[in-house]
Amino acid sequence: MALQVSPFPNGFVAGLHAVGWAFILPCFWFLDRLIAVCKSTTVERTQRLEQECYLHPLKVFFGSIIFFILFLVTAPLALLGFMLWAPLQACRRPFYYHRETPSSPESETHRGFELVGKASFGFATANLCLLPDSLARFNNLGHTQQRATTIGQRIVHGVCRPHIRIFVDSPSSCGTLSPSGSILPTGNSSSYGATDRQAQPSVNHHPDSNEGHASIPMTDSYVVCVPCDDTEEPSTESPSPLLNSNQNSNQQGRTGHRSAPRALLSQGLRQQDDVPWEVSSLFPANVDILCLEEVFDKRAAKKLTEALRPMFGHILYDIGVYACQPPCSCSSFKFFNSGLFLASRFPVLEAQYHCFPNSRGEDALAAKGLLSTKVLIGQNKNQKKVVGYFNCTHLHAPEGEGEIRCEQLNMVTKWIGDFQAANRDPDEEVVFDVLCGDFNFDNCSPDDTLEQNHCLFEEYRDPCRAGPGKEKPWVIGTLLEQPTLYEDEINTPENLQRTLESEEVRKQFISPPVPGEGCPLVYPESGQPWIGRRIDYILFRESSISRQCRTEIEEVTFITQLAGLTDHIPVGLRLNVMMDYDCVDESGLT
């Protein structure tokens, strides 16, 4: 059943809600400006010094008086609006749903499984700190509305690029790698391996391959052949056929250990511990599902929706609950929503939101929780429906409160299980189960030991994790030091990319691990690399997908395109999923 666009049961209730919020908004805006005029970001202070502007104290003085008076004048109207607005939250569904009408039903489906039995899926997550302008300034970020528009434009600029695939022609069969930041000549190429849906309305046509492969509609996915030296350890097994060169390198006995060929290092893609990874100045091409956190401001959420809707036809925003929760109680009052924002190329079949009941302090003012969705991918060769599960969350923030986060992880595990049990159809094929978001703990701080050992990581695989409390050596932290956001080394995507690629330089800008209470921090251990706090995660689970599906990691990406716009580094993950139809036939399944 298709999701309803409005969160309210009918137009009359939606109209009352709009009137109530219209009464509240002027008072809210004047309060926001009252605080913002007194709080400057570091870049604003630097600009005043460079311009030798000494009028700022007068601006603060008179601005504070004017906004305070306007706040008091509009407060009675806001109180009236609040009395109308608050009771209506009891009948509000916890999200808005925006859907773009597709040009054709086929434009929203993935033809990979239907044609060749394999497909590639891209996911990305980013914390944007789109709070009301006054509150964002405490994180050294201002101008929320302008940032929202710019962020949306940058994301679209990144994801609408062609997804270029590189096939390395070498006696060692180095395989296929896909640096999303590569700008390479395309020439006359045929699509190869897992197919990708088109990212732009225009269609690029290419000659069909004459190598005997199945005919596949051409998309914005290209192949570039690159010669490379033998970088693979000798293997007694024969090289895998061309169509199977993307098979999971983690499966023992299938392939030898591969390292990134030197010819590809200039494109940014590296391979280590069987995980191809890169630091990219652009969002990965053809991201299928995008999860954003801290989109608390409603106007900013609408600006993001306007910017992203040409690329993502299905968007859930203003996710969460308001006012007293549970309704008609005084246990907890939510001033802000969850901050979650989900944009998907695929139709959303089902969606469910849960609010964490155990938040404390300032976090209790926001309705942080879990959003679980089921999306329609398309059909497989047997004409069975293909679906995927995508979950996003934002956990408790304050340091030193790991017990609360562990309780929330317990809830996340249970809620995901309940959602999938209630919405799983035995006639459907599940090809991915992804969990992502801002977890607010890392895998290297002694202060986060409790969360690092949570059983969630036994169910979901973290590509960046070597074990509890130990990251893989190539991992880069995702939390920037807020006072340094506008330094020359990290204030542009290209500069931030260069900084992150240098271990010595990035130490100055990535937040360091947090020591345990009462224990001095000794980090890193002798001979180990320095890794900052990585609190933004994309995890995936294989035990809950269909038995005939096999998953491999195509690429992990640390993204610098939002430099200067947020204090987090976005993370991307691309998964290859292959369906073994021989296994299906032998087991008697249909």
Protein backbone atom coordinates (compact mmCIF):
# COMPACT_ATOMS: atom_id res chain seq x y z
CA MET A 1 0.00 0.00 0.00
CA ALA A 2 1.40 3.37 -1.01
CA LEU A 3 2.37 5.79 1.75
CA GLN A 4 0.24 8.89 2.23
CA VAL A 5 1.88 12.24 1.53
CA SER A 6 0.46 14.16 4.49
CA PRO A 7 1.13 13.05 8.08
CA PHE A 8 -2.41 14.04 9.06
CA PRO A 9 -5.57 11.95 8.57
CA ASN A 10 -7.45 14.61 6.59
CA GLY A 11 -7.14 18.11 5.16
CA PHE A 12 -9.06 19.78 7.98
CA VAL A 13 -6.61 18.60 10.65
CA ALA A 14 -3.68 19.53 8.39
CA GLY A 15 -5.13 23.03 7.98
CA LEU A 16 -5.54 23.50 11.74
CA HIS A 17 -1.95 22.41 12.22
CA ALA A 18 -0.74 24.90 9.60
CA VAL A 19 -2.65 27.73 11.32
CA GLY A 20 -1.22 26.82 14.73
CA TRP A 21 2.34 26.71 13.38
CA ALA A 22 1.83 30.04 11.55
CA PHE A 23 1.02 31.63 14.91
CA ILE A 24 4.11 30.10 16.54
CA LEU A 25 6.64 30.80 13.78
CA PRO A 26 7.13 34.60 14.20
CA CYS A 27 7.88 34.29 17.91
CA PHE A 28 10.16 31.31 17.27
CA TRP A 29 12.02 33.20 14.53
CA PHE A 30 12.56 36.32 16.66
CA LEU A 31 13.93 34.19 19.50
CA ASP A 32 16.22 32.42 17.05
CA ARG A 33 17.54 35.77 15.75
CA LEU A 34 17.94 37.12 19.29
CA ILE A 35 20.37 34.32 20.13
CA ALA A 36 22.04 34.28 16.70
CA VAL A 37 22.91 37.98 16.76
CA CYS A 38 24.91 37.40 19.95
CA LYS A 39 26.74 34.28 18.73
CA SER A 40 29.31 34.51 15.92
CA THR A 41 31.13 31.76 14.07
CA THR A 42 34.91 31.82 13.76
CA VAL A 43 34.73 32.77 10.09
CA GLU A 44 32.52 35.76 10.91
CA ARG A 45 34.94 36.94 13.60
CA THR A 46 37.86 36.55 11.20
CA GLN A 47 36.07 38.54 8.50
CA ARG A 48 35.39 41.39 10.93
CA LEU A 49 39.04 41.54 11.90
CA GLU A 50 40.17 41.54 8.26
CA GLN A 51 37.69 44.28 7.35
CA GLU A 52 38.48 46.25 10.52
CA CYS A 53 34.78 46.49 11.29
CA TYR A 54 34.10 47.89 14.77
CA LEU A 55 30.31 48.22 14.49
CA HIS A 56 29.60 44.67 15.67
CA PRO A 57 29.03 45.63 19.36
CA LEU A 58 26.41 48.16 18.25
CA LYS A 59 24.78 45.55 16.05
CA VAL A 60 24.62 43.13 18.96
CA PHE A 61 23.27 45.75 21.36
CA PHE A 62 20.53 47.20 19.20
CA GLY A 63 19.74 43.88 17.51
CA SER A 64 19.22 42.20 20.86
CA ILE A 65 16.86 44.92 22.03
CA ILE A 66 14.81 44.89 18.80
CA PHE A 67 14.48 41.11 18.59
CA PHE A 68 13.67 40.83 22.30
CA ILE A 69 10.86 43.37 21.98
CA LEU A 70 9.48 41.59 18.91
CA PHE A 71 9.70 38.28 20.75
CA LEU A 72 7.63 39.66 23.62
CA VAL A 73 5.05 41.21 21.26
CA THR A 74 4.49 37.93 19.38
CA ALA A 75 4.59 35.68 22.47
CA PRO A 76 0.80 35.87 23.17
CA LEU A 77 0.04 34.88 19.57
CA ALA A 78 2.53 32.01 19.86
CA LEU A 79 0.83 30.80 23.04
CA LEU A 80 -2.50 30.73 21.22
CA GLY A 81 -0.93 28.83 18.33
CA PHE A 82 0.71 26.39 20.73
CA MET A 83 -2.62 25.55 22.33
CA LEU A 84 -3.92 24.67 18.85
CA TRP A 85 -0.74 22.97 17.61
CA ALA A 86 0.21 20.72 20.53
CA PRO A 87 -2.99 18.58 20.79
CA LEU A 88 -2.88 17.84 17.06
CA GLN A 89 0.44 16.00 17.47
CA ALA A 90 -1.46 13.07 18.96
CA CYS A 91 -2.95 12.24 15.54
CA ARG A 92 0.13 13.09 13.45
CA ARG A 93 1.95 10.34 11.59
CA PRO A 94 5.68 10.76 12.26
CA PHE A 95 6.87 11.86 8.81
CA TYR A 96 6.04 13.66 5.58
CA TYR A 97 6.34 11.68 2.36
CA HIS A 98 7.27 13.43 -0.88
CA ARG A 99 6.93 11.45 -4.11
CA GLU A 100 7.84 12.57 -7.59
CA THR A 101 5.64 11.14 -10.34
CA PRO A 102 7.94 8.91 -12.45
CA SER A 103 8.10 9.24 -16.21
CA SER A 104 7.44 5.50 -16.41
CA PRO A 105 7.12 2.64 -13.89
CA GLU A 106 10.38 1.15 -15.21
CA SER A 107 12.32 4.30 -14.28
CA GLU A 108 11.96 3.49 -10.57
CA THR A 109 13.15 -0.11 -10.79
CA HIS A 110 16.54 -1.76 -11.03
CA ARG A 111 16.89 -4.04 -14.06
CA GLY A 112 20.01 -5.77 -12.78
CA PHE A 113 18.45 -8.87 -11.24
CA GLU A 114 15.86 -9.20 -13.98
CA LEU A 115 18.53 -9.26 -16.70
CA VAL A 116 21.82 -10.57 -15.33
CA GLY A 117 21.13 -11.65 -11.75
CA LYS A 118 23.43 -9.07 -10.17
CA ALA A 119 23.15 -5.44 -9.18
CA SER A 120 25.04 -2.68 -7.41
CA PHE A 121 23.55 -0.46 -4.69
CA GLY A 122 24.96 2.78 -3.32
CA PHE A 123 24.25 4.20 0.14
CA ALA A 124 25.44 7.37 1.87
CA THR A 125 24.96 9.01 5.26
CA ALA A 126 25.81 12.48 6.57
CA ASN A 127 25.15 14.54 9.69
CA LEU A 128 24.34 18.09 8.48
CA CYS A 129 23.78 20.02 11.73
CA LEU A 130 20.78 21.83 10.22
CA LEU A 131 19.54 23.14 13.54
CA PRO A 132 17.84 26.52 13.92
CA ASP A 133 20.50 29.09 13.08
CA SER A 134 21.09 30.16 16.68
CA LEU A 135 21.72 26.60 17.91
CA ALA A 136 23.87 25.65 14.91
CA ARG A 137 26.21 28.50 15.82
CA PHE A 138 27.17 26.68 19.01
CA ASN A 139 28.67 24.09 16.63
CA ASN A 140 30.46 26.89 14.74
CA LEU A 141 27.97 26.64 11.86
CA GLY A 142 25.55 29.35 10.84
CA HIS A 143 23.18 30.40 8.05
CA THR A 144 21.13 27.21 8.20
CA GLN A 145 18.83 28.01 5.27
CA GLN A 146 21.68 28.89 2.91
CA ARG A 147 23.64 25.84 3.99
CA ALA A 148 20.63 23.59 3.32
CA THR A 149 20.32 24.88 -0.25
CA THR A 150 24.06 24.58 -0.92
CA ILE A 151 24.23 21.09 0.58
CA GLY A 152 21.38 19.90 -1.62
CA GLN A 153 23.02 21.34 -4.73
CA ARG A 154 26.37 19.73 -3.91
CA ILE A 155 24.84 16.33 -3.27
CA VAL A 156 22.98 16.42 -6.58
CA HIS A 157 26.16 17.52 -8.37
CA GLY A 158 27.95 14.47 -6.97
CA VAL A 159 25.36 11.72 -7.38
CA CYS A 160 24.27 12.65 -10.92
CA ARG A 161 27.70 11.88 -12.38
CA PRO A 162 28.19 8.72 -14.47
CA HIS A 163 29.27 5.69 -12.45
CA ILE A 164 32.54 4.83 -14.19
CA ARG A 165 33.84 1.29 -13.85
CA ILE A 166 37.48 0.42 -14.44
CA PHE A 167 38.46 -3.02 -15.69
CA VAL A 168 42.13 -3.76 -15.11
CA ASP A 169 43.60 -5.88 -17.89
CA SER A 170 46.37 -7.89 -16.30
CA PRO A 171 47.62 -11.51 -16.22
CA SER A 172 46.74 -11.55 -12.51
CA SER A 173 43.12 -10.57 -13.23
CA CYS A 174 43.20 -7.57 -10.91
CA GLY A 175 39.45 -7.28 -11.20
CA THR A 176 37.05 -4.43 -11.53
CA LEU A 177 37.21 -1.32 -9.39
CA SER A 178 34.92 1.70 -9.43
CA PRO A 179 36.40 4.93 -8.08
CA SER A 180 33.38 7.16 -7.90
CA GLY A 181 35.48 10.29 -8.17
CA SER A 182 37.11 9.25 -11.42
CA ILE A 183 36.68 11.51 -14.42
CA LEU A 184 37.82 9.27 -17.26
CA PRO A 185 37.09 9.16 -20.99
CA THR A 186 34.15 6.92 -21.75
CA GLY A 187 34.42 6.35 -25.46
CA ASN A 188 32.19 3.62 -26.88
CA SER A 189 31.73 1.27 -23.95
CA SER A 190 29.33 -1.41 -22.98
CA SER A 191 27.99 -1.88 -19.50
CA TYR A 192 29.69 -4.54 -17.46
CA GLY A 193 29.06 -6.53 -14.30
CA ALA A 194 26.37 -5.21 -12.03
CA THR A 195 24.09 -2.79 -13.81
CA ASP A 196 23.19 0.65 -12.51
CA ARG A 197 20.03 2.61 -13.15
CA GLN A 198 20.32 5.88 -14.93
CA ALA A 199 21.03 8.89 -12.74
CA GLN A 200 19.93 11.60 -15.14
CA PRO A 201 16.87 12.00 -17.33
CA SER A 202 18.94 11.94 -20.49
CA VAL A 203 19.92 8.58 -21.97
CA ASN A 204 23.34 7.82 -23.39
CA HIS A 205 23.37 5.12 -26.05
CA HIS A 206 26.38 2.94 -26.72
CA PRO A 207 27.04 0.12 -29.15
CA ASP A 208 26.18 -3.31 -27.90
CA SER A 209 28.96 -5.62 -26.91
CA ASN A 210 29.84 -8.35 -29.40
CA GLU A 211 31.40 -10.69 -26.85
CA GLY A 212 28.38 -12.90 -26.41
CA HIS A 213 27.08 -11.29 -23.22
CA ALA A 214 23.39 -10.76 -22.58
CA SER A 215 21.96 -7.60 -24.08
CA ILE A 216 21.65 -5.01 -21.30
CA PRO A 217 20.11 -1.54 -21.61
CA MET A 218 22.83 1.05 -21.46
CA THR A 219 22.98 3.34 -18.43
CA ASP A 220 25.35 5.93 -17.01
CA SER A 221 27.77 3.15 -16.06
CA TYR A 222 30.93 2.89 -18.11
CA VAL A 223 33.94 0.61 -18.43
CA VAL A 224 37.50 1.77 -18.91
CA CYS A 225 40.23 -0.81 -19.50
CA VAL A 226 43.50 -0.03 -17.72
CA PRO A 227 46.64 -2.17 -17.96
CA CYS A 228 48.37 -2.95 -14.70
CA ASP A 229 51.30 -4.91 -13.36
CA ASP A 230 50.86 -8.14 -11.50
CA THR A 231 49.96 -7.06 -7.97
CA GLU A 232 48.27 -10.27 -6.84
CA GLU A 233 49.89 -13.05 -4.90
CA PRO A 234 50.23 -16.26 -6.92
CA SER A 235 47.14 -18.40 -6.81
CA THR A 236 46.70 -22.00 -7.88
CA GLU A 237 43.17 -21.32 -9.02
CA SER A 238 42.31 -20.23 -12.53
CA PRO A 239 41.15 -16.66 -13.04
CA SER A 240 37.42 -16.18 -12.76
CA PRO A 241 35.47 -15.44 -15.93
CA LEU A 242 34.82 -11.86 -16.90
CA LEU A 243 31.22 -11.81 -15.73
CA ASN A 244 32.23 -13.20 -12.35
CA SER A 245 35.19 -10.96 -11.58
CA ASN A 246 33.09 -9.00 -9.08
CA GLN A 247 32.45 -11.99 -6.84
CA ASN A 248 33.01 -11.65 -3.14
CA SER A 249 36.70 -11.53 -2.36
CA ASN A 250 35.89 -12.33 1.26
CA GLN A 251 34.73 -15.84 0.39
CA GLN A 252 37.56 -18.22 1.08
CA GLY A 253 38.69 -20.48 -1.70
CA ARG A 254 37.30 -18.31 -4.51
CA THR A 255 40.04 -15.81 -5.24
CA GLY A 256 43.50 -14.86 -4.10
CA HIS A 257 44.22 -11.74 -2.06
CA ARG A 258 44.05 -8.62 -4.20
CA SER A 259 45.62 -5.26 -3.67
CA ALA A 260 44.85 -2.06 -5.54
CA PRO A 261 46.89 -1.84 -8.74
CA ARG A 262 49.28 1.08 -8.98
CA ALA A 263 47.53 2.29 -12.13
CA LEU A 264 44.44 3.01 -10.04
CA LEU A 265 46.01 4.76 -7.08
CA SER A 266 46.04 8.04 -8.95
CA GLN A 267 42.25 7.76 -9.22
CA GLY A 268 41.95 7.68 -5.43
CA LEU A 269 40.82 4.08 -4.98
CA ARG A 270 42.86 1.85 -2.68
CA GLN A 271 42.25 -1.69 -1.55
CA GLN A 272 43.27 -3.06 1.82
CA ASP A 273 41.90 -5.87 3.95
CA ASP A 274 39.70 -6.86 0.98
CA VAL A 275 37.86 -3.52 1.19
CA PRO A 276 38.28 -1.01 -1.67
CA TRP A 277 38.14 2.51 -0.20
CA GLU A 278 38.81 6.09 -1.14
CA VAL A 279 38.64 9.69 0.01
CA SER A 280 36.50 11.47 -2.58
CA SER A 281 35.83 15.16 -3.09
CA LEU A 282 32.42 14.26 -4.56
CA PHE A 283 29.50 12.15 -3.41
CA PRO A 284 29.61 8.69 -5.02
CA ALA A 285 27.86 8.48 -8.38
CA ASN A 286 24.39 6.95 -8.44
CA VAL A 287 23.70 6.85 -4.70
CA ASP A 288 20.44 4.92 -4.37
CA ILE A 289 19.49 5.77 -0.78
CA LEU A 290 20.69 8.77 1.22
CA CYS A 291 20.28 9.11 4.99
CA LEU A 292 20.83 12.50 6.63
CA GLU A 293 20.88 13.36 10.33
CA GLU A 294 20.25 16.56 12.29
CA VAL A 295 17.88 18.03 9.72
CA PHE A 296 15.90 19.53 12.61
CA ASP A 297 14.84 22.77 10.92
CA LYS A 298 11.59 22.35 8.95
CA ARG A 299 12.37 25.05 6.40
CA ALA A 300 15.80 23.55 5.79
CA ALA A 301 14.19 20.13 5.28
CA LYS A 302 11.91 21.57 2.60
CA LYS A 303 14.86 23.24 0.86
CA LEU A 304 16.71 19.91 0.84
CA THR A 305 13.63 18.21 -0.54
CA GLU A 306 13.36 20.75 -3.37
CA ALA A 307 17.03 20.30 -4.25
CA LEU A 308 17.10 16.48 -4.07
CA ARG A 309 13.76 15.55 -5.63
CA PRO A 310 15.03 15.53 -9.26
CA MET A 311 17.43 12.72 -8.26
CA PHE A 312 15.50 11.01 -5.47
CA GLY A 313 11.82 10.47 -6.21
CA HIS A 314 10.92 9.30 -2.70
CA ILE A 315 11.75 11.45 0.32
CA LEU A 316 10.75 11.13 3.99
CA TYR A 317 11.35 14.28 6.06
CA ASP A 318 10.22 15.98 9.29
CA ILE A 319 10.54 12.53 10.82
CA GLY A 320 9.65 12.22 14.49
CA VAL A 321 7.12 13.24 17.11
CA TYR A 322 6.41 16.51 18.91
CA ALA A 323 4.85 17.73 22.16
CA CYS A 324 4.15 15.29 24.99
CA GLN A 325 5.30 11.75 24.39
CA PRO A 326 3.51 9.46 24.94
CA PRO A 327 0.51 11.63 23.96
CA CYS A 328 -1.64 12.98 26.79
CA SER A 329 1.21 12.55 29.27
CA CYS A 330 3.77 14.89 30.82
CA SER A 331 6.70 12.47 30.86
CA SER A 332 8.67 14.05 28.02
CA PHE A 333 8.11 17.06 25.79
CA LYS A 334 9.73 17.04 22.35
CA PHE A 335 10.57 20.46 20.92
CA PHE A 336 12.38 19.03 17.86
CA ASN A 337 11.82 16.07 15.56
CA SER A 338 14.34 13.23 15.15
CA GLY A 339 16.41 15.14 12.57
CA LEU A 340 16.36 12.10 10.27
CA PHE A 341 15.87 12.64 6.53
CA LEU A 342 15.71 9.83 3.97
CA ALA A 343 15.92 10.20 0.19
CA SER A 344 15.51 7.13 -2.03
CA ARG A 345 15.48 6.44 -5.75
CA PHE A 346 13.34 3.37 -5.05
CA PRO A 347 9.65 3.46 -4.03
CA VAL A 348 9.12 3.16 -0.27
CA LEU A 349 6.64 0.34 0.37
CA GLU A 350 6.56 0.52 4.17
CA ALA A 351 7.99 2.89 6.77
CA GLN A 352 7.94 2.85 10.56
CA TYR A 353 9.43 5.22 13.12
CA HIS A 354 10.17 4.59 16.81
CA CYS A 355 11.23 7.25 19.32
CA PHE A 356 13.84 6.42 21.97
CA PRO A 357 12.20 6.69 25.42
CA ASN A 358 15.43 6.91 27.43
CA SER A 359 17.06 10.16 26.26
CA ARG A 360 18.42 12.57 28.89
CA GLY A 361 19.42 16.20 29.16
CA GLU A 362 19.36 18.29 26.02
CA ASP A 363 18.98 15.16 23.89
CA ALA A 364 15.56 14.57 25.46
CA LEU A 365 14.29 17.72 23.72
CA ALA A 366 14.61 15.99 20.34
CA ALA A 367 12.69 12.91 19.23
CA LYS A 368 15.72 10.84 18.28
CA GLY A 369 14.86 7.32 17.23
CA LEU A 370 14.89 4.74 14.43
CA LEU A 371 13.33 4.88 10.97
CA SER A 372 12.87 1.51 9.25
CA THR A 373 11.85 1.28 5.61
CA LYS A 374 11.17 -1.36 2.99
CA VAL A 375 11.90 -0.32 -0.60
CA LEU A 376 10.92 -1.90 -3.91
CA ILE A 377 13.90 -2.71 -6.15
CA GLY A 378 12.18 -4.48 -9.05
CA GLN A 379 11.93 -8.10 -10.19
CA ASN A 380 14.32 -10.98 -10.64
CA LYS A 381 14.56 -13.46 -13.51
CA ASN A 382 11.77 -15.52 -12.00
CA GLN A 383 9.48 -12.46 -11.90
CA LYS A 384 9.53 -12.40 -8.11
CA LYS A 385 9.48 -9.02 -6.36
CA VAL A 386 12.91 -7.83 -5.16
CA VAL A 387 13.01 -5.60 -2.06
CA GLY A 388 15.53 -4.16 0.37
CA TYR A 389 15.45 -2.99 4.00
CA PHE A 390 17.04 0.31 4.97
CA ASN A 391 17.23 1.60 8.55
CA CYS A 392 18.63 4.88 9.86
CA THR A 393 19.09 6.24 13.38
CA HIS A 394 20.76 8.89 15.53
CA LEU A 395 21.82 7.80 19.01
CA HIS A 396 22.28 9.68 22.30
CA ALA A 397 25.05 12.29 22.01
CA PRO A 398 26.70 13.20 25.37
CA GLU A 399 30.01 11.51 26.11
CA GLY A 400 30.33 9.17 29.06
CA GLU A 401 26.75 7.86 28.80
CA GLY A 402 27.37 4.57 27.03
CA GLU A 403 24.67 2.77 29.02
CA ILE A 404 22.00 4.90 27.33
CA ARG A 405 23.40 4.23 23.88
CA CYS A 406 23.59 0.50 24.56
CA GLU A 407 19.93 0.50 25.61
CA GLN A 408 19.12 2.32 22.38
CA LEU A 409 21.09 -0.25 20.37
CA ASN A 410 19.04 -2.96 22.05
CA MET A 411 15.88 -1.15 20.95
CA VAL A 412 17.23 -0.72 17.41
CA THR A 413 17.89 -4.45 17.13
CA LYS A 414 14.42 -5.36 18.40
CA TRP A 415 12.56 -2.75 16.34
CA ILE A 416 14.30 -3.77 13.11
CA GLY A 417 13.48 -7.42 13.79
CA ASP A 418 9.84 -6.61 14.52
CA PHE A 419 9.53 -4.44 11.40
CA GLN A 420 10.97 -7.08 9.11
CA ALA A 421 8.89 -9.86 10.66
CA ALA A 422 5.70 -7.83 10.18
CA ASN A 423 6.45 -6.75 6.60
CA ARG A 424 8.30 -9.70 5.10
CA ASP A 425 6.54 -11.55 2.30
CA PRO A 426 7.68 -15.13 1.55
CA ASP A 427 7.22 -14.46 -2.17
CA GLU A 428 9.76 -11.61 -2.10
CA GLU A 429 13.53 -11.68 -2.47
CA VAL A 430 15.42 -9.49 0.04
CA VAL A 431 18.73 -8.31 -1.41
CA PHE A 432 20.07 -5.91 1.24
CA ASP A 433 19.54 -5.00 4.89
CA VAL A 434 21.40 -1.80 5.77
CA LEU A 435 21.62 0.19 9.02
CA CYS A 436 23.28 3.59 9.07
CA GLY A 437 23.41 6.88 10.94
CA ASP A 438 25.22 8.88 13.59
CA PHE A 439 25.90 6.47 16.47
CA ASN A 440 27.76 9.08 18.58
CA PHE A 441 30.43 6.59 19.65
CA ASP A 442 33.54 5.39 17.88
CA ASN A 443 35.55 2.21 17.73
CA CYS A 444 38.82 3.52 19.13
CA SER A 445 37.97 5.55 22.28
CA PRO A 446 38.40 3.85 25.68
CA ASP A 447 35.35 5.82 26.80
CA ASP A 448 33.18 3.91 24.28
CA THR A 449 34.20 0.37 25.23
CA LEU A 450 30.68 -0.61 26.26
CA GLU A 451 29.14 0.29 22.90
CA GLN A 452 32.05 -1.21 20.94
CA ASN A 453 31.24 -4.65 22.36
CA HIS A 454 27.50 -4.51 21.68
CA CYS A 455 25.97 -7.60 20.06
CA LEU A 456 24.63 -5.46 17.19
CA PHE A 457 28.05 -5.81 15.56
CA GLU A 458 27.66 -9.59 15.58
CA GLU A 459 24.58 -9.25 13.37
CA TYR A 460 25.57 -6.29 11.19
CA ARG A 461 28.93 -6.06 9.48
CA ASP A 462 30.96 -2.85 9.75
CA PRO A 463 33.41 -2.68 6.79
CA CYS A 464 35.71 -0.34 8.75
CA ARG A 465 35.93 -2.44 11.91
CA ALA A 466 38.66 -4.97 12.66
CA GLY A 467 37.20 -5.87 16.06
CA PRO A 468 35.89 -4.28 19.26
CA GLY A 469 37.97 -1.18 19.93
CA LYS A 470 40.12 -1.69 16.84
CA GLU A 471 39.67 -0.02 13.48
CA LYS A 472 41.19 -1.19 10.21
CA PRO A 473 44.41 0.74 9.51
CA TRP A 474 43.02 2.70 6.53
CA VAL A 475 40.01 4.09 8.39
CA ILE A 476 39.53 7.87 8.70
CA GLY A 477 37.54 9.53 11.47
CA THR A 478 34.31 11.34 10.58
CA LEU A 479 34.03 14.00 13.32
CA LEU A 480 35.83 17.30 12.66
CA GLU A 481 37.09 19.62 15.37
CA GLN A 482 34.53 22.45 15.31
CA PRO A 483 36.90 25.40 15.96
CA THR A 484 38.92 24.47 12.84
CA LEU A 485 36.05 24.15 10.33
CA TYR A 486 37.12 27.19 8.31
CA GLU A 487 40.87 26.64 8.29
CA ASP A 488 42.42 26.71 4.82
CA GLU A 489 43.42 23.05 5.05
CA ILE A 490 39.80 21.84 5.28
CA ASN A 491 37.49 24.62 4.06
CA THR A 492 37.09 23.28 0.51
CA PRO A 493 36.36 19.72 -0.72
CA GLU A 494 39.74 19.46 -2.45
CA ASN A 495 41.72 20.78 0.54
CA LEU A 496 39.87 18.52 2.96
CA GLN A 497 40.53 15.55 0.68
CA ARG A 498 44.27 16.24 0.70
CA THR A 499 44.25 16.72 4.47
CA LEU A 500 42.43 13.45 5.17
CA GLU A 501 44.84 11.52 2.97
CA SER A 502 47.77 12.62 5.18
CA GLU A 503 47.85 10.98 8.59
CA GLU A 504 50.12 13.63 10.08
CA VAL A 505 48.02 16.57 8.86
CA ARG A 506 44.55 15.21 9.65
CA LYS A 507 45.45 14.80 13.32
CA GLN A 508 44.99 18.56 13.66
CA PHE A 509 41.42 18.54 12.36
CA ILE A 510 39.81 15.19 13.24
CA SER A 511 38.49 14.76 16.78
CA PRO A 512 40.81 12.47 18.77
CA PRO A 513 39.67 9.44 20.80
CA VAL A 514 38.06 10.09 24.18
CA PRO A 515 39.92 8.65 27.22
CA GLY A 516 38.16 6.54 29.80
CA GLU A 517 37.14 8.16 33.06
CA GLY A 518 40.15 8.61 35.32
CA CYS A 519 42.57 7.04 32.82
CA PRO A 520 45.10 8.99 30.74
CA LEU A 521 44.90 8.39 27.00
CA VAL A 522 47.83 6.57 25.41
CA TYR A 523 47.10 6.60 21.70
CA PRO A 524 47.97 5.23 19.27
CA GLU A 525 49.73 2.09 20.35
CA SER A 526 53.25 1.57 19.13
CA GLY A 527 53.33 0.83 15.42
CA GLN A 528 49.61 1.55 14.94
CA PRO A 529 48.19 4.37 12.78
CA TRP A 530 46.42 7.39 14.28
CA ILE A 531 42.67 7.12 13.66
CA GLY A 532 40.22 9.78 14.77
CA ARG A 533 36.65 9.39 15.98
CA ARG A 534 34.44 7.63 13.44
CA ILE A 535 30.89 8.05 14.70
CA ASP A 536 29.05 7.85 11.35
CA TYR A 537 28.36 4.26 10.31
CA ILE A 538 26.97 2.26 7.40
CA LEU A 539 26.45 -1.38 8.36
CA PHE A 540 24.93 -4.25 6.41
CA ARG A 541 23.59 -7.67 7.34
CA GLU A 542 23.73 -10.84 5.25
CA SER A 543 21.86 -13.25 7.52
CA SER A 544 18.51 -11.57 6.84
CA ILE A 545 18.70 -11.44 3.03
CA SER A 546 17.57 -14.24 0.72
CA ARG A 547 19.66 -17.40 0.88
CA GLN A 548 20.62 -17.34 -2.79
CA CYS A 549 22.05 -13.80 -2.56
CA ARG A 550 25.74 -13.13 -2.07
CA THR A 551 27.10 -9.72 -1.10
CA GLU A 552 30.47 -8.09 -1.61
CA ILE A 553 31.75 -4.63 -0.75
CA GLU A 554 32.52 -2.70 -3.90
CA GLU A 555 33.64 0.52 -2.25
CA VAL A 556 33.78 2.48 1.02
CA THR A 557 34.02 6.24 0.57
CA PHE A 558 34.89 9.11 2.89
CA ILE A 559 33.34 12.18 1.27
CA THR A 560 34.68 15.73 1.52
CA GLN A 561 32.15 17.51 -0.73
CA LEU A 562 30.40 19.19 2.23
CA ALA A 563 33.57 20.85 3.56
CA GLY A 564 32.72 24.06 5.40
CA LEU A 565 29.01 23.13 5.57
CA THR A 566 28.98 20.58 8.40
CA ASP A 567 31.21 19.28 11.17
CA HIS A 568 30.93 15.65 10.00
CA ILE A 569 32.50 13.78 7.10
CA PRO A 570 29.86 11.88 5.08
CA VAL A 571 30.39 8.18 4.44
CA GLY A 572 29.40 6.10 1.42
CA LEU A 573 29.10 2.36 0.83
CA ARG A 574 28.47 0.51 -2.43
CA LEU A 575 27.43 -3.14 -2.30
CA ASN A 576 27.38 -5.70 -5.10
CA VAL A 577 24.63 -8.29 -4.73
CA MET A 578 24.63 -11.45 -6.85
CA MET A 579 21.79 -13.95 -7.03
CA ASP A 580 22.66 -17.61 -7.56
CA TYR A 581 19.73 -19.03 -9.51
CA ASP A 582 21.35 -22.49 -9.69
CA CYS A 583 21.12 -22.62 -5.90
CA VAL A 584 17.45 -21.70 -6.13
CA ASP A 585 16.70 -24.41 -8.68
CA GLU A 586 18.58 -27.12 -6.75
CA SER A 587 16.78 -26.32 -3.49
CA GLY A 588 13.41 -26.46 -5.20
CA LEU A 589 12.58 -22.86 -4.42
CA THR A 590 10.73 -20.69 -6.92
